[in-house]
């Protein structure tokens, strides 16, 4: 089984539209750092409720050495930093899921394999878990997730939609 570590944005965006289960369908189990759990669970909303009810497949882990925070720039959020620290701890992550561009660049610099919420949706469609990506993207957009028209066209071309 892959070791997949997920940041807060995919949990919040998918949870708020009732599609958090896609992460379980694609990866079976995922890991989230304590900071991500705190960020998502502090609100009383759909994503918080979905997270709390998924404890059998969403595992919360703490970083081993808090001094590792010093390696990261302050422009990253605590959850993003903990995702990267956990990804490098043993056992190393096979994949991390995060959407913020600065965090993705940092992860790629650290030679971590990265995807985002959209990448998860594309994989779900490829595996036949969802019929189409674009309707899910529309739901995400109606809940505040920004997707440029250029990216939507690229997704449509890649998924044949």
N, C-alpha and C. Protein backbone atom coordinates (compact mmCIF):
# COMPACT_ATOMS: atom_id res chain seq x y z
N UNK A 1 0.84 -1.18 0.00
CA UNK A 1 0.00 0.00 0.00
C UNK A 1 0.88 1.25 0.00
N UNK A 2 0.50 2.23 -0.78
CA UNK A 2 1.24 3.48 -0.85
C UNK A 2 1.12 4.26 0.45
N UNK A 3 2.17 4.97 0.79
CA UNK A 3 2.11 5.91 1.92
C UNK A 3 1.84 7.28 1.32
N UNK A 4 0.62 7.78 1.53
CA UNK A 4 0.16 9.04 0.94
C UNK A 4 -0.14 10.01 2.07
N UNK A 5 0.50 11.17 2.02
CA UNK A 5 0.32 12.20 3.05
C UNK A 5 -0.41 13.38 2.42
N UNK A 6 -1.48 13.82 3.07
CA UNK A 6 -2.39 14.81 2.49
C UNK A 6 -2.42 16.07 3.34
N UNK A 7 -2.43 17.21 2.66
CA UNK A 7 -2.55 18.51 3.31
C UNK A 7 -4.03 18.87 3.50
N UNK A 8 -4.28 19.99 4.12
CA UNK A 8 -5.64 20.38 4.49
C UNK A 8 -6.54 20.75 3.30
N UNK A 9 -6.02 21.44 2.29
CA UNK A 9 -6.89 21.91 1.21
C UNK A 9 -7.64 20.77 0.52
N UNK A 10 -6.99 19.67 0.14
CA UNK A 10 -7.77 18.58 -0.47
C UNK A 10 -8.84 18.04 0.48
N UNK A 11 -8.54 17.95 1.77
CA UNK A 11 -9.52 17.46 2.74
C UNK A 11 -10.70 18.41 2.85
N UNK A 12 -10.41 19.70 2.92
CA UNK A 12 -11.47 20.70 3.08
C UNK A 12 -12.32 20.78 1.82
N UNK A 13 -11.67 20.89 0.67
CA UNK A 13 -12.44 21.07 -0.56
C UNK A 13 -13.29 19.84 -0.90
N UNK A 14 -12.71 18.66 -0.79
CA UNK A 14 -13.48 17.45 -1.08
C UNK A 14 -14.52 17.18 0.01
N UNK A 15 -14.15 17.43 1.26
CA UNK A 15 -15.09 17.24 2.36
C UNK A 15 -16.30 18.14 2.28
N UNK A 16 -16.08 19.38 1.87
CA UNK A 16 -17.19 20.34 1.80
C UNK A 16 -18.19 20.04 0.70
N UNK A 17 -17.78 19.23 -0.29
CA UNK A 17 -18.74 18.87 -1.35
C UNK A 17 -19.18 17.40 -1.21
N UNK A 18 -18.87 16.79 -0.07
CA UNK A 18 -19.30 15.43 0.19
C UNK A 18 -18.55 14.37 -0.60
N UNK A 19 -17.30 14.67 -0.98
CA UNK A 19 -16.54 13.73 -1.81
C UNK A 19 -15.18 13.36 -1.19
N UNK A 20 -15.07 13.44 0.11
CA UNK A 20 -13.82 13.06 0.77
C UNK A 20 -13.50 11.59 0.52
N UNK A 21 -14.53 10.79 0.36
CA UNK A 21 -14.38 9.35 0.14
C UNK A 21 -13.54 9.03 -1.10
N UNK A 22 -13.43 9.97 -2.04
CA UNK A 22 -12.61 9.74 -3.23
C UNK A 22 -11.17 9.44 -2.83
N UNK A 23 -10.67 10.12 -1.80
CA UNK A 23 -9.30 9.85 -1.34
C UNK A 23 -9.15 8.41 -0.87
N UNK A 24 -10.16 7.89 -0.16
CA UNK A 24 -10.11 6.50 0.30
C UNK A 24 -10.20 5.54 -0.89
N UNK A 25 -11.06 5.87 -1.83
CA UNK A 25 -11.22 4.99 -2.99
C UNK A 25 -9.94 4.90 -3.82
N UNK A 26 -9.23 6.01 -3.93
CA UNK A 26 -8.01 6.03 -4.73
C UNK A 26 -6.81 5.45 -3.97
N UNK A 27 -6.69 5.77 -2.68
CA UNK A 27 -5.47 5.41 -1.94
C UNK A 27 -5.67 4.43 -0.78
N UNK A 28 -6.86 4.02 -0.48
CA UNK A 28 -7.21 3.13 0.63
C UNK A 28 -7.06 3.81 1.99
N UNK A 29 -5.85 4.18 2.34
CA UNK A 29 -5.59 4.91 3.59
C UNK A 29 -4.70 6.09 3.27
N UNK A 30 -4.87 7.16 4.05
CA UNK A 30 -4.00 8.32 3.91
C UNK A 30 -3.51 8.72 5.29
N UNK A 31 -2.45 9.49 5.29
CA UNK A 31 -1.86 10.02 6.52
C UNK A 31 -2.00 11.53 6.48
N UNK A 32 -2.34 12.11 7.62
CA UNK A 32 -2.32 13.57 7.74
C UNK A 32 -1.52 13.93 8.99
N UNK A 33 -0.78 15.03 8.91
CA UNK A 33 -0.06 15.48 10.11
C UNK A 33 -1.02 16.08 11.13
N UNK A 34 -0.58 16.12 12.35
CA UNK A 34 -1.38 16.69 13.45
C UNK A 34 -1.84 18.11 13.13
N UNK A 35 -0.96 18.94 12.55
CA UNK A 35 -1.33 20.32 12.23
C UNK A 35 -2.47 20.38 11.22
N UNK A 36 -2.51 19.47 10.28
CA UNK A 36 -3.59 19.41 9.30
C UNK A 36 -4.88 19.00 10.00
N UNK A 37 -4.79 17.99 10.85
CA UNK A 37 -5.98 17.56 11.60
C UNK A 37 -6.55 18.72 12.40
N UNK A 38 -5.68 19.46 13.09
CA UNK A 38 -6.15 20.60 13.90
C UNK A 38 -6.81 21.66 13.02
N UNK A 39 -6.20 21.95 11.89
CA UNK A 39 -6.75 22.98 11.00
C UNK A 39 -8.12 22.60 10.47
N UNK A 40 -8.27 21.37 10.02
CA UNK A 40 -9.53 20.94 9.42
C UNK A 40 -10.60 20.72 10.47
N UNK A 41 -10.24 20.16 11.60
CA UNK A 41 -11.25 19.80 12.60
C UNK A 41 -11.70 20.95 13.49
N UNK A 42 -11.03 22.09 13.45
CA UNK A 42 -11.40 23.18 14.35
C UNK A 42 -12.72 23.84 13.98
N UNK A 43 -13.12 23.74 12.72
CA UNK A 43 -14.39 24.32 12.28
C UNK A 43 -15.49 23.29 12.43
N UNK A 44 -16.70 23.75 12.51
CA UNK A 44 -17.85 22.85 12.52
C UNK A 44 -18.51 22.94 11.15
N UNK A 45 -17.92 22.26 10.17
CA UNK A 45 -18.46 22.29 8.82
C UNK A 45 -18.42 20.88 8.24
N UNK A 46 -18.81 20.76 6.97
CA UNK A 46 -18.89 19.45 6.34
C UNK A 46 -17.54 18.74 6.31
N UNK A 47 -16.46 19.48 6.01
CA UNK A 47 -15.15 18.82 5.93
C UNK A 47 -14.69 18.35 7.30
N UNK A 48 -14.96 19.11 8.33
CA UNK A 48 -14.59 18.72 9.69
C UNK A 48 -15.35 17.46 10.10
N UNK A 49 -16.64 17.44 9.82
CA UNK A 49 -17.45 16.26 10.16
C UNK A 49 -16.99 15.04 9.37
N UNK A 50 -16.69 15.24 8.09
CA UNK A 50 -16.22 14.12 7.25
C UNK A 50 -14.90 13.58 7.78
N UNK A 51 -14.01 14.46 8.17
CA UNK A 51 -12.71 14.04 8.71
C UNK A 51 -12.89 13.21 9.97
N UNK A 52 -13.72 13.69 10.87
CA UNK A 52 -13.92 12.97 12.13
C UNK A 52 -14.53 11.58 11.91
N UNK A 53 -15.35 11.44 10.87
CA UNK A 53 -16.01 10.15 10.64
C UNK A 53 -15.15 9.20 9.80
N UNK A 54 -13.96 9.62 9.41
CA UNK A 54 -13.11 8.79 8.55
C UNK A 54 -11.87 8.28 9.28
N UNK A 55 -11.96 8.14 10.58
CA UNK A 55 -10.77 7.77 11.36
C UNK A 55 -10.23 6.38 11.05
N UNK A 56 -11.02 5.52 10.42
CA UNK A 56 -10.51 4.19 10.10
C UNK A 56 -9.59 4.21 8.89
N UNK A 57 -9.65 5.24 8.06
CA UNK A 57 -8.76 5.28 6.88
C UNK A 57 -7.93 6.55 6.79
N UNK A 58 -8.16 7.52 7.65
CA UNK A 58 -7.31 8.71 7.73
C UNK A 58 -6.53 8.62 9.04
N UNK A 59 -5.23 8.42 8.91
CA UNK A 59 -4.37 8.25 10.08
C UNK A 59 -3.67 9.57 10.40
N UNK A 60 -3.73 9.98 11.65
CA UNK A 60 -3.09 11.22 12.08
C UNK A 60 -1.74 10.86 12.70
N UNK A 61 -0.68 11.52 12.20
CA UNK A 61 0.66 11.27 12.73
C UNK A 61 1.30 12.59 13.15
N UNK A 62 2.19 12.50 14.10
CA UNK A 62 2.95 13.66 14.56
C UNK A 62 4.37 13.58 14.02
N UNK A 63 4.96 14.74 13.82
CA UNK A 63 6.36 14.75 13.39
C UNK A 63 7.23 14.34 14.58
N UNK A 64 8.35 13.71 14.28
CA UNK A 64 9.23 13.19 15.34
C UNK A 64 10.05 14.31 15.97
N UNK A 65 10.59 15.19 15.14
CA UNK A 65 11.50 16.21 15.63
C UNK A 65 10.99 17.61 15.27
N UNK A 66 10.38 18.31 16.22
CA UNK A 66 9.86 19.66 15.93
C UNK A 66 10.93 20.64 15.45
N UNK A 67 12.20 20.36 15.73
CA UNK A 67 13.28 21.23 15.25
C UNK A 67 13.36 21.24 13.73
N UNK A 68 12.77 20.23 13.09
CA UNK A 68 12.78 20.18 11.62
C UNK A 68 12.05 21.36 11.00
N UNK A 69 11.17 22.01 11.76
CA UNK A 69 10.47 23.20 11.26
C UNK A 69 11.44 24.27 10.78
N UNK A 70 12.60 24.34 11.37
CA UNK A 70 13.56 25.40 11.05
C UNK A 70 14.06 25.34 9.62
N UNK A 71 13.89 24.21 8.96
CA UNK A 71 14.36 24.05 7.58
C UNK A 71 13.47 24.77 6.57
N UNK A 72 12.28 25.18 6.99
CA UNK A 72 11.30 25.68 6.03
C UNK A 72 11.08 27.18 6.16
N UNK A 73 10.74 27.76 5.02
CA UNK A 73 10.46 29.20 4.98
C UNK A 73 9.15 29.49 5.70
N UNK A 74 9.04 30.67 6.23
CA UNK A 74 7.86 31.03 7.00
C UNK A 74 6.61 31.22 6.13
N UNK A 75 6.77 31.31 4.80
CA UNK A 75 5.59 31.52 3.96
C UNK A 75 4.73 30.27 3.82
N UNK A 76 5.23 29.13 4.28
CA UNK A 76 4.44 27.91 4.26
C UNK A 76 3.65 27.79 5.56
N UNK A 77 2.47 27.22 5.47
CA UNK A 77 1.63 27.00 6.64
C UNK A 77 2.14 25.79 7.43
N UNK A 78 1.76 25.73 8.68
CA UNK A 78 2.22 24.63 9.54
C UNK A 78 1.85 23.27 8.96
N UNK A 79 0.65 23.14 8.41
CA UNK A 79 0.24 21.87 7.82
C UNK A 79 1.12 21.46 6.65
N UNK A 80 1.42 22.42 5.79
CA UNK A 80 2.29 22.14 4.63
C UNK A 80 3.68 21.70 5.08
N UNK A 81 4.21 22.38 6.08
CA UNK A 81 5.53 22.03 6.61
C UNK A 81 5.50 20.62 7.20
N UNK A 82 4.46 20.33 7.98
CA UNK A 82 4.39 19.00 8.59
C UNK A 82 4.19 17.90 7.55
N UNK A 83 3.46 18.19 6.47
CA UNK A 83 3.32 17.21 5.39
C UNK A 83 4.70 16.86 4.86
N UNK A 84 5.53 17.86 4.60
CA UNK A 84 6.85 17.61 4.03
C UNK A 84 7.79 16.92 5.02
N UNK A 85 7.69 17.31 6.29
CA UNK A 85 8.52 16.64 7.30
C UNK A 85 8.12 15.17 7.42
N UNK A 86 6.81 14.90 7.52
CA UNK A 86 6.36 13.50 7.60
C UNK A 86 6.76 12.71 6.37
N UNK A 87 6.70 13.37 5.22
CA UNK A 87 7.03 12.69 3.96
C UNK A 87 8.48 12.22 3.93
N UNK A 88 9.34 12.91 4.67
CA UNK A 88 10.76 12.57 4.68
C UNK A 88 11.14 11.65 5.83
N UNK A 89 10.27 11.55 6.84
CA UNK A 89 10.53 10.64 7.95
C UNK A 89 10.34 9.20 7.48
N UNK A 90 10.85 8.28 8.24
CA UNK A 90 10.68 6.87 7.90
C UNK A 90 9.36 6.37 8.46
N UNK A 91 8.56 5.67 7.69
CA UNK A 91 8.76 5.36 6.28
C UNK A 91 8.45 6.57 5.41
N UNK A 92 9.27 6.76 4.39
CA UNK A 92 9.10 7.91 3.50
C UNK A 92 7.79 7.80 2.73
N UNK A 93 7.26 8.95 2.34
CA UNK A 93 6.01 8.98 1.59
C UNK A 93 6.24 8.59 0.15
N UNK A 94 5.29 7.89 -0.41
CA UNK A 94 5.29 7.61 -1.85
C UNK A 94 4.72 8.80 -2.61
N UNK A 95 3.83 9.54 -1.94
CA UNK A 95 3.12 10.65 -2.59
C UNK A 95 2.64 11.62 -1.53
N UNK A 96 2.69 12.92 -1.87
CA UNK A 96 2.01 13.91 -1.02
C UNK A 96 0.99 14.64 -1.88
N UNK A 97 -0.11 15.02 -1.23
CA UNK A 97 -1.20 15.70 -1.93
C UNK A 97 -1.35 17.08 -1.31
N UNK A 98 -1.01 18.10 -2.09
CA UNK A 98 -1.19 19.48 -1.65
C UNK A 98 -1.38 20.38 -2.86
N UNK A 99 -2.03 21.51 -2.64
CA UNK A 99 -2.41 22.38 -3.75
C UNK A 99 -1.65 23.70 -3.84
N UNK A 100 -1.18 24.21 -2.74
CA UNK A 100 -0.51 25.51 -2.73
C UNK A 100 0.77 25.46 -3.58
N UNK A 101 0.92 26.42 -4.50
CA UNK A 101 2.04 26.39 -5.44
C UNK A 101 3.40 26.53 -4.74
N UNK A 102 3.50 27.40 -3.75
CA UNK A 102 4.78 27.55 -3.05
C UNK A 102 5.15 26.25 -2.32
N UNK A 103 4.17 25.61 -1.73
CA UNK A 103 4.42 24.34 -1.04
C UNK A 103 4.80 23.25 -2.04
N UNK A 104 4.14 23.23 -3.20
CA UNK A 104 4.46 22.23 -4.22
C UNK A 104 5.89 22.40 -4.72
N UNK A 105 6.30 23.65 -4.94
CA UNK A 105 7.67 23.90 -5.38
C UNK A 105 8.69 23.44 -4.35
N UNK A 106 8.38 23.71 -3.08
CA UNK A 106 9.28 23.27 -2.01
C UNK A 106 9.36 21.75 -1.99
N UNK A 107 8.21 21.08 -2.11
CA UNK A 107 8.18 19.62 -2.10
C UNK A 107 8.96 19.05 -3.28
N UNK A 108 8.79 19.64 -4.44
CA UNK A 108 9.53 19.17 -5.62
C UNK A 108 11.03 19.38 -5.44
N UNK A 109 11.41 20.52 -4.85
CA UNK A 109 12.82 20.78 -4.55
C UNK A 109 13.38 19.69 -3.63
N UNK A 110 12.54 19.21 -2.71
CA UNK A 110 12.95 18.16 -1.77
C UNK A 110 12.86 16.76 -2.40
N UNK A 111 12.55 16.73 -3.69
CA UNK A 111 12.45 15.48 -4.46
C UNK A 111 11.32 14.58 -3.95
N UNK A 112 10.22 15.21 -3.51
CA UNK A 112 9.04 14.46 -3.10
C UNK A 112 8.08 14.38 -4.29
N UNK A 113 7.35 13.30 -4.39
CA UNK A 113 6.38 13.13 -5.46
C UNK A 113 5.09 13.80 -5.01
N UNK A 114 4.58 14.72 -5.86
CA UNK A 114 3.47 15.58 -5.48
C UNK A 114 2.33 15.48 -6.49
N UNK A 115 1.13 15.52 -5.97
CA UNK A 115 -0.06 15.73 -6.78
C UNK A 115 -0.96 16.67 -6.00
N UNK A 116 -2.03 17.10 -6.63
CA UNK A 116 -2.99 17.97 -5.98
C UNK A 116 -4.38 17.38 -6.04
N UNK A 117 -5.34 18.14 -5.59
CA UNK A 117 -6.73 17.70 -5.61
C UNK A 117 -7.16 17.31 -7.02
N UNK A 118 -6.78 18.11 -7.99
CA UNK A 118 -7.16 17.82 -9.38
C UNK A 118 -6.51 16.52 -9.84
N UNK A 119 -5.27 16.30 -9.50
CA UNK A 119 -4.60 15.05 -9.85
C UNK A 119 -5.29 13.83 -9.25
N UNK A 120 -5.79 13.98 -8.02
CA UNK A 120 -6.53 12.89 -7.38
C UNK A 120 -7.81 12.60 -8.17
N UNK A 121 -8.49 13.67 -8.60
CA UNK A 121 -9.73 13.49 -9.36
C UNK A 121 -9.48 12.82 -10.71
N UNK A 122 -8.39 13.21 -11.36
CA UNK A 122 -8.05 12.59 -12.65
C UNK A 122 -7.76 11.10 -12.44
N UNK A 123 -7.02 10.76 -11.39
CA UNK A 123 -6.73 9.36 -11.09
C UNK A 123 -8.03 8.60 -10.78
N UNK A 124 -8.95 9.24 -10.06
CA UNK A 124 -10.24 8.61 -9.75
C UNK A 124 -11.02 8.30 -11.03
N UNK A 125 -10.99 9.22 -11.97
CA UNK A 125 -11.69 8.96 -13.24
C UNK A 125 -10.99 7.84 -14.01
N UNK A 126 -9.67 7.86 -14.07
CA UNK A 126 -8.93 6.83 -14.79
C UNK A 126 -9.22 5.44 -14.24
N UNK A 127 -9.48 5.36 -12.95
CA UNK A 127 -9.78 4.07 -12.32
C UNK A 127 -11.27 3.73 -12.35
N UNK A 128 -12.07 4.60 -12.95
CA UNK A 128 -13.51 4.35 -13.05
C UNK A 128 -14.27 4.61 -11.77
N UNK A 129 -13.68 5.37 -10.86
CA UNK A 129 -14.32 5.65 -9.57
C UNK A 129 -15.31 6.80 -9.66
N UNK A 130 -15.08 7.72 -10.59
CA UNK A 130 -16.02 8.80 -10.87
C UNK A 130 -16.21 8.84 -12.38
N UNK A 131 -17.41 9.22 -12.85
CA UNK A 131 -17.64 9.22 -14.29
C UNK A 131 -16.96 10.37 -15.03
N UNK A 132 -16.77 11.50 -14.35
CA UNK A 132 -16.18 12.68 -15.00
C UNK A 132 -15.55 13.58 -13.95
N UNK A 133 -14.52 14.31 -14.37
CA UNK A 133 -13.81 15.23 -13.49
C UNK A 133 -14.45 16.62 -13.49
N UNK A 134 -14.83 17.11 -14.66
CA UNK A 134 -15.31 18.49 -14.78
C UNK A 134 -16.52 18.81 -13.89
N UNK A 135 -17.51 17.93 -13.74
CA UNK A 135 -18.61 18.26 -12.82
C UNK A 135 -18.14 18.40 -11.37
N UNK A 136 -17.16 17.60 -10.97
CA UNK A 136 -16.62 17.72 -9.61
C UNK A 136 -15.87 19.04 -9.47
N UNK A 137 -15.14 19.43 -10.52
CA UNK A 137 -14.45 20.73 -10.50
C UNK A 137 -15.44 21.87 -10.36
N UNK A 138 -16.58 21.76 -11.03
CA UNK A 138 -17.61 22.80 -10.90
C UNK A 138 -18.11 22.89 -9.46
N UNK A 139 -18.29 21.74 -8.81
CA UNK A 139 -18.69 21.74 -7.40
C UNK A 139 -17.62 22.40 -6.54
N UNK A 140 -16.37 22.07 -6.81
CA UNK A 140 -15.27 22.67 -6.05
C UNK A 140 -15.26 24.19 -6.23
N UNK A 141 -15.42 24.62 -7.48
CA UNK A 141 -15.43 26.06 -7.76
C UNK A 141 -16.58 26.76 -7.04
N UNK A 142 -17.73 26.14 -7.00
CA UNK A 142 -18.88 26.77 -6.33
C UNK A 142 -18.65 26.87 -4.83
N UNK A 143 -17.63 26.16 -4.33
CA UNK A 143 -17.27 26.23 -2.92
C UNK A 143 -15.97 26.99 -2.69
N UNK A 144 -15.53 27.78 -3.69
CA UNK A 144 -14.40 28.67 -3.49
C UNK A 144 -13.05 28.18 -3.97
N UNK A 145 -12.96 27.00 -4.59
CA UNK A 145 -11.70 26.47 -5.10
C UNK A 145 -11.47 27.08 -6.47
N UNK A 146 -10.36 27.79 -6.65
CA UNK A 146 -10.10 28.46 -7.92
C UNK A 146 -9.41 27.54 -8.91
N UNK A 147 -9.95 27.51 -10.12
CA UNK A 147 -9.35 26.75 -11.21
C UNK A 147 -9.40 27.64 -12.45
N UNK A 148 -8.25 27.92 -13.04
CA UNK A 148 -8.22 28.80 -14.21
C UNK A 148 -8.85 28.11 -15.41
N UNK A 149 -9.29 28.90 -16.35
CA UNK A 149 -9.88 28.36 -17.58
C UNK A 149 -8.85 27.54 -18.35
N UNK A 150 -7.61 27.97 -18.35
CA UNK A 150 -6.55 27.23 -19.03
C UNK A 150 -6.39 25.85 -18.42
N UNK A 151 -6.40 25.77 -17.10
CA UNK A 151 -6.26 24.48 -16.43
C UNK A 151 -7.48 23.60 -16.73
N UNK A 152 -8.66 24.19 -16.73
CA UNK A 152 -9.87 23.41 -17.05
C UNK A 152 -9.80 22.83 -18.46
N UNK A 153 -9.30 23.62 -19.41
CA UNK A 153 -9.16 23.12 -20.78
C UNK A 153 -8.15 21.98 -20.83
N UNK A 154 -7.06 22.10 -20.11
CA UNK A 154 -6.06 21.03 -20.07
C UNK A 154 -6.65 19.76 -19.47
N UNK A 155 -7.43 19.91 -18.41
CA UNK A 155 -8.07 18.75 -17.77
C UNK A 155 -9.06 18.11 -18.71
N UNK A 156 -9.86 18.93 -19.38
CA UNK A 156 -10.84 18.40 -20.34
C UNK A 156 -10.14 17.62 -21.44
N UNK A 157 -9.03 18.14 -21.94
CA UNK A 157 -8.30 17.43 -23.00
C UNK A 157 -7.71 16.13 -22.46
N UNK A 158 -7.16 16.16 -21.24
CA UNK A 158 -6.52 14.97 -20.68
C UNK A 158 -7.55 13.88 -20.36
N UNK A 159 -8.75 14.29 -19.93
CA UNK A 159 -9.74 13.30 -19.51
C UNK A 159 -10.75 12.98 -20.61
N UNK A 160 -10.66 13.67 -21.75
CA UNK A 160 -11.60 13.43 -22.84
C UNK A 160 -13.00 13.93 -22.55
N UNK A 161 -13.11 14.95 -21.74
CA UNK A 161 -14.43 15.49 -21.39
C UNK A 161 -14.73 16.76 -22.18
